[in-house]
Amino acid sequence: MSRRFDCADQTERMTGLAEAISAVRRGELVVFPTDTVYGVGADAFTPSAVNALREAKGRGREIPVPVLVGTVRAANALVESLGTYGQDLADAFWPGPLTLILRANRSLSWDLGDAKGTVAVRMPLHPVALDLLKETGPMAVSSANRSGNPPAVTVDEAEEQLGEPVDVYLDGGPCEDKVPSTIVDLTTAVPRVLRRGAIPVDKIRGLVGYLATGE
């Protein structure tokens, strides 16, 4: 049976975070707020948990699950290198709504889907998410909705769509910014915008110089 905790209440917040951390370590799913929309997450290094996440969303392996981290150090451990562009962008926009596509560390044993040796990494700017991620380590996280439906911006919407497969729901109130993260691919010689989002393209271009936008 799913459990839900109101993070506006300090006691419930502490209890809910402890329960969510335990659930992640058991390979179960949790829903929590981020700075964009609600996310459903699992331990990134437990393939059965990541598969359960895909099943809960009704999504196949063709769309790899992104990874959220609580620190830049955790991100560095997941990738071959942030590189100059990645480090500058992380310094400027993390925590925040910027997702970086990077070459994954080849020594890691995980299965995020058909990622072709890459990983999408982000550090969200939300206190509940950061408190959770700093304890669990990297989590595979996708928007808390059934595939094809609008992303959930409240815990009610997330619970209505995902239901019992999720062990713990952390209610952080409505998400203030419904705009998704900007996605930048750093696996090619020229940084490339894969999705326009909350971070304006001009701000990214100001740091990396030439930026491919597909326009």
N, C-alpha and C. Protein backbone atom coordinates (compact mmCIF):
# COMPACT_ATOMS: atom_id res chain seq x y z
N MET A 1 0.85 -1.20 0.00
CA MET A 1 0.00 0.00 0.00
C MET A 1 0.89 1.25 0.00
N SER A 2 0.57 2.20 -0.88
CA SER A 2 1.34 3.43 -0.96
C SER A 2 1.17 4.26 0.30
N ARG A 3 2.24 4.98 0.64
CA ARG A 3 2.21 5.91 1.78
C ARG A 3 2.50 7.31 1.27
N ARG A 4 1.84 8.29 1.88
CA ARG A 4 1.97 9.68 1.43
C ARG A 4 2.31 10.57 2.62
N PHE A 5 3.23 11.52 2.38
CA PHE A 5 3.69 12.39 3.46
C PHE A 5 3.66 13.85 3.01
N ASP A 6 3.14 14.71 3.90
CA ASP A 6 3.04 16.14 3.62
C ASP A 6 4.33 16.82 4.08
N CYS A 7 5.14 17.24 3.12
CA CYS A 7 6.45 17.82 3.46
C CYS A 7 6.35 19.26 3.96
N ALA A 8 5.14 19.85 3.97
CA ALA A 8 4.96 21.17 4.57
C ALA A 8 4.99 21.07 6.09
N ASP A 9 4.71 19.89 6.61
CA ASP A 9 4.79 19.61 8.05
C ASP A 9 6.18 19.04 8.33
N GLN A 10 6.95 19.70 9.19
CA GLN A 10 8.33 19.30 9.39
C GLN A 10 8.47 17.87 9.89
N THR A 11 7.60 17.44 10.78
CA THR A 11 7.68 16.08 11.30
C THR A 11 7.38 15.07 10.19
N GLU A 12 6.33 15.33 9.42
CA GLU A 12 6.00 14.43 8.30
C GLU A 12 7.10 14.44 7.25
N ARG A 13 7.70 15.60 7.05
CA ARG A 13 8.78 15.70 6.07
C ARG A 13 9.95 14.79 6.45
N MET A 14 10.34 14.85 7.71
CA MET A 14 11.46 14.01 8.17
C MET A 14 11.10 12.54 8.08
N THR A 15 9.88 12.19 8.50
CA THR A 15 9.44 10.80 8.43
C THR A 15 9.35 10.34 6.98
N GLY A 16 8.77 11.19 6.14
CA GLY A 16 8.61 10.84 4.73
C GLY A 16 9.94 10.65 4.04
N LEU A 17 10.90 11.52 4.30
CA LEU A 17 12.22 11.37 3.69
C LEU A 17 12.88 10.07 4.14
N ALA A 18 12.77 9.75 5.42
CA ALA A 18 13.35 8.51 5.93
C ALA A 18 12.70 7.29 5.26
N GLU A 19 11.38 7.34 5.10
CA GLU A 19 10.67 6.23 4.46
C GLU A 19 11.03 6.13 2.98
N ALA A 20 11.17 7.28 2.32
CA ALA A 20 11.53 7.29 0.90
C ALA A 20 12.94 6.75 0.70
N ILE A 21 13.86 7.15 1.55
CA ILE A 21 15.24 6.66 1.45
C ILE A 21 15.28 5.14 1.61
N SER A 22 14.54 4.64 2.60
CA SER A 22 14.48 3.18 2.81
C SER A 22 13.86 2.48 1.62
N ALA A 23 12.81 3.07 1.05
CA ALA A 23 12.14 2.47 -0.10
C ALA A 23 13.09 2.38 -1.28
N VAL A 24 13.84 3.44 -1.55
CA VAL A 24 14.79 3.43 -2.66
C VAL A 24 15.83 2.34 -2.45
N ARG A 25 16.31 2.21 -1.24
CA ARG A 25 17.33 1.20 -0.94
C ARG A 25 16.78 -0.22 -1.06
N ARG A 26 15.47 -0.36 -0.93
CA ARG A 26 14.82 -1.68 -1.11
C ARG A 26 14.50 -1.95 -2.57
N GLY A 27 14.78 -0.99 -3.44
CA GLY A 27 14.47 -1.17 -4.86
C GLY A 27 13.04 -0.80 -5.22
N GLU A 28 12.40 0.03 -4.40
CA GLU A 28 11.02 0.43 -4.67
C GLU A 28 10.97 1.83 -5.28
N LEU A 29 9.78 2.25 -5.68
CA LEU A 29 9.60 3.53 -6.35
C LEU A 29 9.12 4.60 -5.38
N VAL A 30 9.59 5.82 -5.60
CA VAL A 30 9.11 6.97 -4.82
C VAL A 30 8.78 8.11 -5.77
N VAL A 31 7.81 8.92 -5.37
CA VAL A 31 7.45 10.13 -6.11
C VAL A 31 7.81 11.33 -5.23
N PHE A 32 8.42 12.34 -5.85
CA PHE A 32 8.83 13.52 -5.08
C PHE A 32 8.82 14.75 -5.99
N PRO A 33 8.75 15.94 -5.39
CA PRO A 33 8.72 17.17 -6.19
C PRO A 33 10.11 17.56 -6.66
N THR A 34 10.17 18.19 -7.83
CA THR A 34 11.42 18.80 -8.29
C THR A 34 11.11 20.26 -8.62
N ASP A 35 12.09 20.96 -9.17
CA ASP A 35 11.89 22.35 -9.52
C ASP A 35 11.13 22.52 -10.83
N THR A 36 10.84 21.43 -11.51
CA THR A 36 10.04 21.51 -12.75
C THR A 36 8.70 20.82 -12.53
N VAL A 37 8.67 19.50 -12.51
CA VAL A 37 7.44 18.74 -12.28
C VAL A 37 7.74 17.65 -11.25
N TYR A 38 6.71 16.89 -10.86
CA TYR A 38 6.95 15.76 -9.96
C TYR A 38 7.67 14.65 -10.71
N GLY A 39 8.56 13.97 -10.00
CA GLY A 39 9.30 12.87 -10.60
C GLY A 39 9.01 11.56 -9.90
N VAL A 40 9.10 10.46 -10.63
CA VAL A 40 9.04 9.13 -10.04
C VAL A 40 10.43 8.54 -10.18
N GLY A 41 10.98 8.06 -9.06
CA GLY A 41 12.37 7.66 -9.09
C GLY A 41 12.64 6.31 -8.44
N ALA A 42 13.81 5.78 -8.77
CA ALA A 42 14.28 4.50 -8.25
C ALA A 42 15.80 4.54 -8.19
N ASP A 43 16.37 3.61 -7.44
CA ASP A 43 17.82 3.49 -7.38
C ASP A 43 18.37 3.24 -8.79
N ALA A 44 19.28 4.11 -9.23
CA ALA A 44 19.79 4.01 -10.60
C ALA A 44 20.57 2.73 -10.85
N PHE A 45 21.05 2.09 -9.77
CA PHE A 45 21.91 0.92 -9.93
C PHE A 45 21.19 -0.40 -9.64
N THR A 46 19.86 -0.34 -9.53
CA THR A 46 19.06 -1.55 -9.34
C THR A 46 18.20 -1.75 -10.59
N PRO A 47 18.65 -2.60 -11.53
CA PRO A 47 17.93 -2.76 -12.79
C PRO A 47 16.46 -3.12 -12.63
N SER A 48 16.13 -3.95 -11.65
CA SER A 48 14.73 -4.34 -11.46
C SER A 48 13.89 -3.14 -11.05
N ALA A 49 14.48 -2.21 -10.28
CA ALA A 49 13.75 -1.01 -9.86
C ALA A 49 13.54 -0.07 -11.05
N VAL A 50 14.57 0.07 -11.89
CA VAL A 50 14.44 0.92 -13.08
C VAL A 50 13.40 0.33 -14.02
N ASN A 51 13.38 -0.99 -14.13
CA ASN A 51 12.37 -1.64 -14.97
C ASN A 51 10.98 -1.43 -14.41
N ALA A 52 10.84 -1.46 -13.08
CA ALA A 52 9.54 -1.21 -12.45
C ALA A 52 9.08 0.22 -12.73
N LEU A 53 10.04 1.14 -12.78
CA LEU A 53 9.72 2.54 -13.10
C LEU A 53 9.15 2.62 -14.51
N ARG A 54 9.83 1.95 -15.46
CA ARG A 54 9.34 1.97 -16.83
C ARG A 54 7.94 1.36 -16.92
N GLU A 55 7.72 0.28 -16.21
CA GLU A 55 6.40 -0.37 -16.24
C GLU A 55 5.33 0.53 -15.65
N ALA A 56 5.66 1.23 -14.56
CA ALA A 56 4.70 2.13 -13.92
C ALA A 56 4.28 3.25 -14.88
N LYS A 57 5.23 3.70 -15.69
CA LYS A 57 4.94 4.76 -16.65
C LYS A 57 4.33 4.23 -17.95
N GLY A 58 4.49 2.92 -18.22
CA GLY A 58 4.06 2.38 -19.48
C GLY A 58 4.97 2.77 -20.62
N ARG A 59 6.28 2.76 -20.33
CA ARG A 59 7.27 3.21 -21.31
C ARG A 59 8.28 2.11 -21.57
N GLY A 60 8.77 2.03 -22.80
CA GLY A 60 9.74 1.01 -23.17
C GLY A 60 11.17 1.45 -22.97
N ARG A 61 12.10 0.57 -23.35
CA ARG A 61 13.53 0.83 -23.18
C ARG A 61 14.07 1.85 -24.18
N GLU A 62 13.29 2.15 -25.22
CA GLU A 62 13.81 3.04 -26.26
C GLU A 62 14.03 4.46 -25.77
N ILE A 63 13.39 4.83 -24.65
CA ILE A 63 13.61 6.15 -24.06
C ILE A 63 14.34 5.95 -22.73
N PRO A 64 15.65 6.17 -22.69
CA PRO A 64 16.42 5.94 -21.46
C PRO A 64 15.93 6.84 -20.33
N VAL A 65 16.05 6.35 -19.11
CA VAL A 65 15.62 7.11 -17.94
C VAL A 65 16.75 8.05 -17.51
N PRO A 66 16.46 9.34 -17.34
CA PRO A 66 17.47 10.28 -16.86
C PRO A 66 17.87 9.98 -15.41
N VAL A 67 18.97 10.60 -14.97
CA VAL A 67 19.46 10.41 -13.60
C VAL A 67 19.53 11.77 -12.91
N LEU A 68 19.00 11.84 -11.69
CA LEU A 68 19.13 13.03 -10.86
C LEU A 68 20.17 12.78 -9.78
N VAL A 69 20.93 13.82 -9.47
CA VAL A 69 21.98 13.74 -8.45
C VAL A 69 21.81 14.87 -7.44
N GLY A 70 22.40 14.67 -6.26
CA GLY A 70 22.33 15.69 -5.21
C GLY A 70 23.56 16.56 -5.14
N THR A 71 24.64 16.16 -5.84
CA THR A 71 25.88 16.93 -5.83
C THR A 71 26.56 16.82 -7.19
N VAL A 72 27.41 17.79 -7.51
CA VAL A 72 28.20 17.72 -8.73
C VAL A 72 29.19 16.56 -8.64
N ARG A 73 29.68 16.29 -7.46
CA ARG A 73 30.60 15.17 -7.27
C ARG A 73 29.95 13.86 -7.68
N ALA A 74 28.69 13.67 -7.32
CA ALA A 74 27.97 12.45 -7.71
C ALA A 74 27.84 12.38 -9.22
N ALA A 75 27.60 13.52 -9.87
CA ALA A 75 27.50 13.53 -11.33
C ALA A 75 28.83 13.13 -11.96
N ASN A 76 29.93 13.64 -11.42
CA ASN A 76 31.25 13.32 -11.97
C ASN A 76 31.53 11.82 -11.94
N ALA A 77 31.02 11.14 -10.91
CA ALA A 77 31.26 9.70 -10.79
C ALA A 77 30.50 8.89 -11.83
N LEU A 78 29.48 9.49 -12.44
CA LEU A 78 28.64 8.78 -13.39
C LEU A 78 29.12 8.88 -14.83
N VAL A 79 30.02 9.83 -15.09
CA VAL A 79 30.37 10.14 -16.47
C VAL A 79 31.88 10.03 -16.70
N GLU A 80 32.25 9.91 -17.98
CA GLU A 80 33.67 9.89 -18.30
C GLU A 80 34.31 11.20 -17.90
N SER A 81 33.63 12.29 -18.19
CA SER A 81 34.12 13.63 -17.82
C SER A 81 33.02 14.65 -18.07
N LEU A 82 32.95 15.66 -17.21
CA LEU A 82 32.04 16.76 -17.49
C LEU A 82 32.60 17.62 -18.62
N GLY A 83 33.93 17.61 -18.76
CA GLY A 83 34.55 18.44 -19.78
C GLY A 83 34.42 19.91 -19.44
N THR A 84 35.04 20.75 -20.23
CA THR A 84 34.98 22.19 -19.96
C THR A 84 33.56 22.71 -20.05
N TYR A 85 32.85 22.34 -21.09
CA TYR A 85 31.48 22.83 -21.25
C TYR A 85 30.59 22.36 -20.10
N GLY A 86 30.68 21.08 -19.77
CA GLY A 86 29.83 20.53 -18.73
C GLY A 86 30.11 21.16 -17.38
N GLN A 87 31.38 21.37 -17.06
CA GLN A 87 31.73 21.97 -15.78
C GLN A 87 31.22 23.40 -15.69
N ASP A 88 31.42 24.15 -16.77
CA ASP A 88 30.95 25.54 -16.78
C ASP A 88 29.43 25.62 -16.65
N LEU A 89 28.74 24.74 -17.36
CA LEU A 89 27.28 24.75 -17.31
C LEU A 89 26.76 24.31 -15.94
N ALA A 90 27.41 23.31 -15.36
CA ALA A 90 27.01 22.87 -14.02
C ALA A 90 27.24 23.97 -13.00
N ASP A 91 28.39 24.65 -13.11
CA ASP A 91 28.69 25.74 -12.18
C ASP A 91 27.66 26.85 -12.28
N ALA A 92 27.19 27.11 -13.51
CA ALA A 92 26.27 28.21 -13.73
C ALA A 92 24.82 27.88 -13.41
N PHE A 93 24.39 26.65 -13.69
CA PHE A 93 22.96 26.34 -13.67
C PHE A 93 22.53 25.21 -12.74
N TRP A 94 23.47 24.56 -12.05
CA TRP A 94 23.09 23.53 -11.07
C TRP A 94 23.25 24.05 -9.66
N PRO A 95 22.36 23.70 -8.76
CA PRO A 95 21.11 22.98 -9.06
C PRO A 95 20.15 23.87 -9.85
N GLY A 96 19.43 23.22 -10.77
CA GLY A 96 18.51 23.96 -11.60
C GLY A 96 18.03 23.14 -12.78
N PRO A 97 17.18 23.74 -13.62
CA PRO A 97 16.51 23.01 -14.70
C PRO A 97 17.34 22.86 -15.98
N LEU A 98 18.53 22.29 -15.84
CA LEU A 98 19.36 22.01 -17.00
C LEU A 98 19.80 20.55 -16.96
N THR A 99 19.47 19.80 -18.01
CA THR A 99 19.88 18.40 -18.13
C THR A 99 21.02 18.31 -19.13
N LEU A 100 22.09 17.62 -18.75
CA LEU A 100 23.25 17.45 -19.61
C LEU A 100 23.34 16.00 -20.07
N ILE A 101 23.49 15.80 -21.38
CA ILE A 101 23.74 14.46 -21.92
C ILE A 101 25.25 14.29 -22.05
N LEU A 102 25.78 13.26 -21.35
CA LEU A 102 27.22 13.05 -21.29
C LEU A 102 27.55 11.59 -21.55
N ARG A 103 28.81 11.30 -21.84
CA ARG A 103 29.25 9.92 -21.98
C ARG A 103 29.28 9.27 -20.60
N ALA A 104 28.61 8.12 -20.47
CA ALA A 104 28.53 7.44 -19.18
C ALA A 104 29.87 6.77 -18.83
N ASN A 105 30.16 6.71 -17.55
CA ASN A 105 31.31 5.98 -17.06
C ASN A 105 31.13 4.50 -17.41
N ARG A 106 32.04 3.96 -18.21
CA ARG A 106 31.88 2.59 -18.72
C ARG A 106 32.05 1.52 -17.65
N SER A 107 32.56 1.89 -16.48
CA SER A 107 32.76 0.90 -15.43
C SER A 107 31.50 0.66 -14.60
N LEU A 108 30.46 1.47 -14.82
CA LEU A 108 29.25 1.35 -13.99
C LEU A 108 28.36 0.20 -14.47
N SER A 109 27.78 -0.50 -13.50
CA SER A 109 26.84 -1.58 -13.81
C SER A 109 25.42 -1.07 -13.58
N TRP A 110 24.78 -0.66 -14.64
CA TRP A 110 23.40 -0.20 -14.54
C TRP A 110 22.71 -0.40 -15.89
N ASP A 111 21.42 -0.21 -15.91
CA ASP A 111 20.67 -0.38 -17.15
C ASP A 111 19.53 0.63 -17.15
N LEU A 112 19.78 1.76 -17.80
CA LEU A 112 18.80 2.84 -17.85
C LEU A 112 17.95 2.80 -19.11
N GLY A 113 18.20 1.79 -19.96
CA GLY A 113 17.51 1.70 -21.24
C GLY A 113 18.52 1.78 -22.37
N ASP A 114 18.03 2.00 -23.57
CA ASP A 114 18.89 2.03 -24.75
C ASP A 114 19.59 3.38 -24.87
N ALA A 115 20.55 3.62 -23.98
CA ALA A 115 21.19 4.94 -23.89
C ALA A 115 22.42 5.07 -24.77
N LYS A 116 22.87 3.97 -25.38
CA LYS A 116 24.01 4.01 -26.30
C LYS A 116 25.25 4.64 -25.66
N GLY A 117 25.48 4.28 -24.41
CA GLY A 117 26.70 4.74 -23.74
C GLY A 117 26.64 6.15 -23.19
N THR A 118 25.45 6.73 -23.16
CA THR A 118 25.31 8.09 -22.64
C THR A 118 24.40 8.09 -21.41
N VAL A 119 24.38 9.22 -20.71
CA VAL A 119 23.46 9.38 -19.58
C VAL A 119 23.02 10.83 -19.52
N ALA A 120 21.75 11.04 -19.20
CA ALA A 120 21.19 12.38 -19.00
C ALA A 120 21.22 12.67 -17.51
N VAL A 121 21.92 13.73 -17.12
CA VAL A 121 22.14 14.03 -15.70
C VAL A 121 21.64 15.43 -15.36
N ARG A 122 21.06 15.54 -14.16
CA ARG A 122 20.59 16.86 -13.69
C ARG A 122 20.62 16.90 -12.17
N MET A 123 20.86 18.10 -11.61
CA MET A 123 20.72 18.34 -10.18
C MET A 123 19.57 19.32 -9.99
N PRO A 124 18.44 18.87 -9.43
CA PRO A 124 17.26 19.72 -9.32
C PRO A 124 17.37 20.74 -8.18
N LEU A 125 16.75 21.89 -8.39
CA LEU A 125 16.74 22.94 -7.38
C LEU A 125 15.45 22.84 -6.56
N HIS A 126 15.41 21.85 -5.68
CA HIS A 126 14.26 21.68 -4.78
C HIS A 126 14.77 21.05 -3.49
N PRO A 127 14.45 21.62 -2.34
CA PRO A 127 15.01 21.12 -1.08
C PRO A 127 14.65 19.67 -0.76
N VAL A 128 13.41 19.27 -1.05
CA VAL A 128 13.02 17.88 -0.78
C VAL A 128 13.80 16.93 -1.68
N ALA A 129 13.88 17.26 -2.96
CA ALA A 129 14.61 16.40 -3.90
C ALA A 129 16.08 16.30 -3.51
N LEU A 130 16.70 17.43 -3.17
CA LEU A 130 18.12 17.41 -2.82
C LEU A 130 18.38 16.64 -1.53
N ASP A 131 17.52 16.81 -0.54
CA ASP A 131 17.69 16.05 0.71
C ASP A 131 17.59 14.55 0.45
N LEU A 132 16.68 14.16 -0.43
CA LEU A 132 16.53 12.75 -0.77
C LEU A 132 17.75 12.23 -1.51
N LEU A 133 18.16 12.96 -2.54
CA LEU A 133 19.25 12.50 -3.41
C LEU A 133 20.60 12.45 -2.69
N LYS A 134 20.81 13.34 -1.75
CA LYS A 134 22.08 13.33 -1.02
C LYS A 134 22.21 12.09 -0.15
N GLU A 135 21.08 11.48 0.20
CA GLU A 135 21.11 10.26 1.01
C GLU A 135 21.08 8.99 0.15
N THR A 136 20.31 9.02 -0.92
CA THR A 136 20.17 7.81 -1.74
C THR A 136 21.29 7.64 -2.75
N GLY A 137 21.93 8.76 -3.11
CA GLY A 137 22.84 8.72 -4.24
C GLY A 137 22.03 8.86 -5.53
N PRO A 138 22.67 8.71 -6.69
CA PRO A 138 21.99 8.93 -7.97
C PRO A 138 20.72 8.08 -8.11
N MET A 139 19.67 8.74 -8.60
CA MET A 139 18.41 8.04 -8.83
C MET A 139 17.99 8.17 -10.29
N ALA A 140 17.48 7.08 -10.84
CA ALA A 140 16.83 7.13 -12.14
C ALA A 140 15.47 7.77 -11.93
N VAL A 141 15.21 8.87 -12.62
CA VAL A 141 13.98 9.64 -12.37
C VAL A 141 13.36 10.09 -13.69
N SER A 142 12.06 9.88 -13.80
CA SER A 142 11.31 10.37 -14.94
C SER A 142 10.10 11.13 -14.42
N SER A 143 9.44 11.89 -15.27
CA SER A 143 8.26 12.62 -14.84
C SER A 143 7.20 11.66 -14.33
N ALA A 144 6.50 12.07 -13.27
CA ALA A 144 5.56 11.19 -12.57
C ALA A 144 4.20 11.17 -13.28
N ASN A 145 4.17 10.51 -14.42
CA ASN A 145 2.93 10.39 -15.19
C ASN A 145 2.99 9.15 -16.06
N ARG A 146 1.83 8.68 -16.49
CA ARG A 146 1.79 7.62 -17.48
C ARG A 146 2.26 8.18 -18.81
N SER A 147 2.99 7.38 -19.55
CA SER A 147 3.52 7.82 -20.83
C SER A 147 2.40 8.32 -21.74
N GLY A 148 2.58 9.52 -22.30
CA GLY A 148 1.58 10.11 -23.17
C GLY A 148 0.66 11.09 -22.47
N ASN A 149 0.66 11.07 -21.13
CA ASN A 149 -0.17 12.01 -20.37
C ASN A 149 0.65 13.21 -19.93
N PRO A 150 0.01 14.32 -19.58
CA PRO A 150 0.74 15.49 -19.12
C PRO A 150 1.51 15.18 -17.82
N PRO A 151 2.71 15.74 -17.64
CA PRO A 151 3.46 15.54 -16.41
C PRO A 151 2.67 16.05 -15.20
N ALA A 152 2.84 15.39 -14.08
CA ALA A 152 2.15 15.78 -12.85
C ALA A 152 2.83 16.98 -12.21
N VAL A 153 2.05 17.98 -11.84
CA VAL A 153 2.60 19.14 -11.14
C VAL A 153 2.11 19.22 -9.70
N THR A 154 1.29 18.23 -9.29
CA THR A 154 0.90 18.07 -7.89
C THR A 154 1.02 16.59 -7.54
N VAL A 155 1.11 16.30 -6.25
CA VAL A 155 1.21 14.91 -5.85
C VAL A 155 -0.09 14.16 -6.13
N ASP A 156 -1.23 14.88 -6.09
CA ASP A 156 -2.51 14.25 -6.43
C ASP A 156 -2.51 13.73 -7.86
N GLU A 157 -2.01 14.56 -8.79
CA GLU A 157 -1.95 14.14 -10.18
C GLU A 157 -1.03 12.94 -10.36
N ALA A 158 0.08 12.95 -9.64
CA ALA A 158 1.02 11.83 -9.73
C ALA A 158 0.40 10.55 -9.20
N GLU A 159 -0.27 10.65 -8.06
CA GLU A 159 -0.86 9.45 -7.46
C GLU A 159 -2.01 8.92 -8.29
N GLU A 160 -2.76 9.82 -8.90
CA GLU A 160 -3.89 9.40 -9.75
C GLU A 160 -3.38 8.61 -10.96
N GLN A 161 -2.24 9.01 -11.50
CA GLN A 161 -1.72 8.35 -12.69
C GLN A 161 -0.92 7.08 -12.38
N LEU A 162 -0.15 7.10 -11.30
CA LEU A 162 0.77 5.99 -11.03
C LEU A 162 0.27 5.01 -9.97
N GLY A 163 -0.47 5.49 -9.00
CA GLY A 163 -1.12 4.60 -8.03
C GLY A 163 -0.21 3.74 -7.19
N GLU A 164 -0.63 2.49 -6.99
CA GLU A 164 -0.01 1.58 -6.03
C GLU A 164 1.42 1.12 -6.35
N PRO A 165 1.85 1.08 -7.61
CA PRO A 165 3.23 0.67 -7.86
C PRO A 165 4.28 1.55 -7.16
N VAL A 166 3.87 2.76 -6.76
CA VAL A 166 4.78 3.66 -6.03
C VAL A 166 4.63 3.41 -4.54
N ASP A 167 5.75 3.24 -3.84
CA ASP A 167 5.70 2.94 -2.41
C ASP A 167 5.48 4.19 -1.57
N VAL A 168 6.19 5.28 -1.90
CA VAL A 168 6.13 6.50 -1.09
C VAL A 168 5.89 7.71 -1.99
N TYR A 169 4.92 8.55 -1.59
CA TYR A 169 4.67 9.83 -2.25
C TYR A 169 5.05 10.95 -1.29
N LEU A 170 5.94 11.84 -1.72
CA LEU A 170 6.31 13.01 -0.94
C LEU A 170 5.61 14.23 -1.52
N ASP A 171 4.74 14.84 -0.73
CA ASP A 171 3.95 15.97 -1.19
C ASP A 171 4.68 17.26 -0.85
N GLY A 172 5.19 17.93 -1.88
CA GLY A 172 5.87 19.21 -1.68
C GLY A 172 5.05 20.38 -2.15
N GLY A 173 3.75 20.17 -2.34
CA GLY A 173 2.89 21.23 -2.86
C GLY A 173 2.99 21.31 -4.37
N PRO A 174 2.23 22.21 -4.98
CA PRO A 174 2.26 22.35 -6.45
C PRO A 174 3.64 22.81 -6.92
N CYS A 175 4.08 22.28 -8.04
CA CYS A 175 5.34 22.72 -8.63
C CYS A 175 5.15 24.14 -9.16
N GLU A 176 6.07 25.02 -8.81
CA GLU A 176 5.93 26.43 -9.18
C GLU A 176 6.23 26.68 -10.65
N ASP A 177 7.17 25.92 -11.20
CA ASP A 177 7.57 26.14 -12.59
C ASP A 177 7.30 24.88 -13.38
N LYS A 178 6.29 24.92 -14.24
CA LYS A 178 5.90 23.74 -15.01
C LYS A 178 6.73 23.55 -16.27
N VAL A 179 7.63 24.49 -16.53
CA VAL A 179 8.46 24.41 -17.73
C VAL A 179 9.52 23.32 -17.52
N PRO A 180 9.69 22.39 -18.47
CA PRO A 180 10.68 21.33 -18.30
C PRO A 180 12.10 21.85 -18.38
N SER A 181 13.04 21.01 -18.00
CA SER A 181 14.44 21.40 -18.06
C SER A 181 14.90 21.54 -19.51
N THR A 182 15.85 22.41 -19.73
CA THR A 182 16.52 22.49 -21.02
C THR A 182 17.50 21.32 -21.11
N ILE A 183 17.55 20.65 -22.25
CA ILE A 183 18.45 19.50 -22.43
C ILE A 183 19.53 19.88 -23.44
N VAL A 184 20.80 19.70 -23.02
CA VAL A 184 21.94 19.98 -23.88
C VAL A 184 22.79 18.73 -24.02
N ASP A 185 23.06 18.34 -25.25
CA ASP A 185 23.87 17.17 -25.56
C ASP A 185 25.34 17.61 -25.68
N LEU A 186 26.19 17.05 -24.80
CA LEU A 186 27.61 17.37 -24.82
C LEU A 186 28.46 16.21 -25.33
N THR A 187 27.83 15.26 -26.00
CA THR A 187 28.58 14.09 -26.48
C THR A 187 29.15 14.30 -27.88
N THR A 188 28.86 15.43 -28.48
CA THR A 188 29.39 15.74 -29.81
C THR A 188 30.34 16.94 -29.69
N ALA A 189 31.09 17.19 -30.76
CA ALA A 189 32.09 18.26 -30.73
C ALA A 189 31.46 19.62 -30.45
N VAL A 190 30.27 19.83 -31.00
CA VAL A 190 29.54 21.09 -30.78
C VAL A 190 28.34 20.82 -29.87
N PRO A 191 28.24 21.49 -28.73
CA PRO A 191 27.07 21.31 -27.86
C PRO A 191 25.78 21.53 -28.63
N ARG A 192 24.77 20.73 -28.32
CA ARG A 192 23.54 20.76 -29.10
C ARG A 192 22.33 20.76 -28.17
N VAL A 193 21.39 21.65 -28.42
CA VAL A 193 20.15 21.71 -27.64
C VAL A 193 19.19 20.66 -28.16
N LEU A 194 18.79 19.73 -27.29
CA LEU A 194 17.82 18.71 -27.68
C LEU A 194 16.40 19.11 -27.30
N ARG A 195 16.29 19.94 -26.27
CA ARG A 195 14.96 20.43 -25.86
C ARG A 195 15.10 21.81 -25.24
N ARG A 196 14.33 22.74 -25.76
CA ARG A 196 14.28 24.05 -25.13
C ARG A 196 13.45 23.96 -23.87
N GLY A 197 13.88 24.67 -22.83
CA GLY A 197 13.17 24.59 -21.57
C GLY A 197 13.41 25.82 -20.71
N ALA A 198 13.52 25.60 -19.41
CA ALA A 198 13.54 26.70 -18.44
C ALA A 198 14.79 27.58 -18.54
N ILE A 199 15.92 27.01 -18.96
CA ILE A 199 17.14 27.80 -19.12
C ILE A 199 17.18 28.31 -20.56
N PRO A 200 17.16 29.63 -20.77
CA PRO A 200 17.15 30.17 -22.14
C PRO A 200 18.40 29.77 -22.92
N VAL A 201 18.20 29.51 -24.19
CA VAL A 201 19.31 29.11 -25.06
C VAL A 201 20.41 30.17 -25.09
N ASP A 202 20.03 31.44 -25.06
CA ASP A 202 21.03 32.51 -25.10
C ASP A 202 21.98 32.47 -23.90
N LYS A 203 21.46 32.09 -22.74
CA LYS A 203 22.32 32.00 -21.56
C LYS A 203 23.33 30.87 -21.72
N ILE A 204 22.90 29.76 -22.30
CA ILE A 204 23.80 28.63 -22.53
C ILE A 204 24.84 29.00 -23.57
N ARG A 205 24.39 29.64 -24.63
CA ARG A 205 25.31 30.06 -25.70
C ARG A 205 26.37 31.03 -25.15
N GLY A 206 25.99 31.83 -24.19
CA GLY A 206 26.94 32.77 -23.60
C GLY A 206 28.10 32.09 -22.90
N LEU A 207 27.91 30.84 -22.50
CA LEU A 207 28.97 30.09 -21.82
C LEU A 207 29.75 29.18 -22.77
N VAL A 208 29.08 28.60 -23.73
CA VAL A 208 29.74 27.58 -24.58
C VAL A 208 30.13 28.11 -25.95
N GLY A 209 29.69 29.31 -26.30
CA GLY A 209 29.99 29.82 -27.63
C GLY A 209 28.98 29.27 -28.64
N TYR A 210 29.48 28.61 -29.67
CA TYR A 210 28.56 28.07 -30.69
C TYR A 210 27.72 26.95 -30.11
N LEU A 211 26.44 27.00 -30.39
CA LEU A 211 25.48 26.03 -29.86
C LEU A 211 24.52 25.63 -30.97
N ALA A 212 24.49 24.35 -31.29
CA ALA A 212 23.57 23.86 -32.32
C ALA A 212 22.17 23.78 -31.73
N THR A 213 21.20 24.32 -32.45
CA THR A 213 19.81 24.31 -31.98
C THR A 213 18.86 23.63 -32.94
N GLY A 214 19.35 23.20 -34.10
CA GLY A 214 18.50 22.54 -35.08
C GLY A 214 17.61 23.50 -35.83
N GLU A 215 17.93 24.78 -35.75
CA GLU A 215 17.11 25.78 -36.45
C GLU A 215 17.88 26.37 -37.63
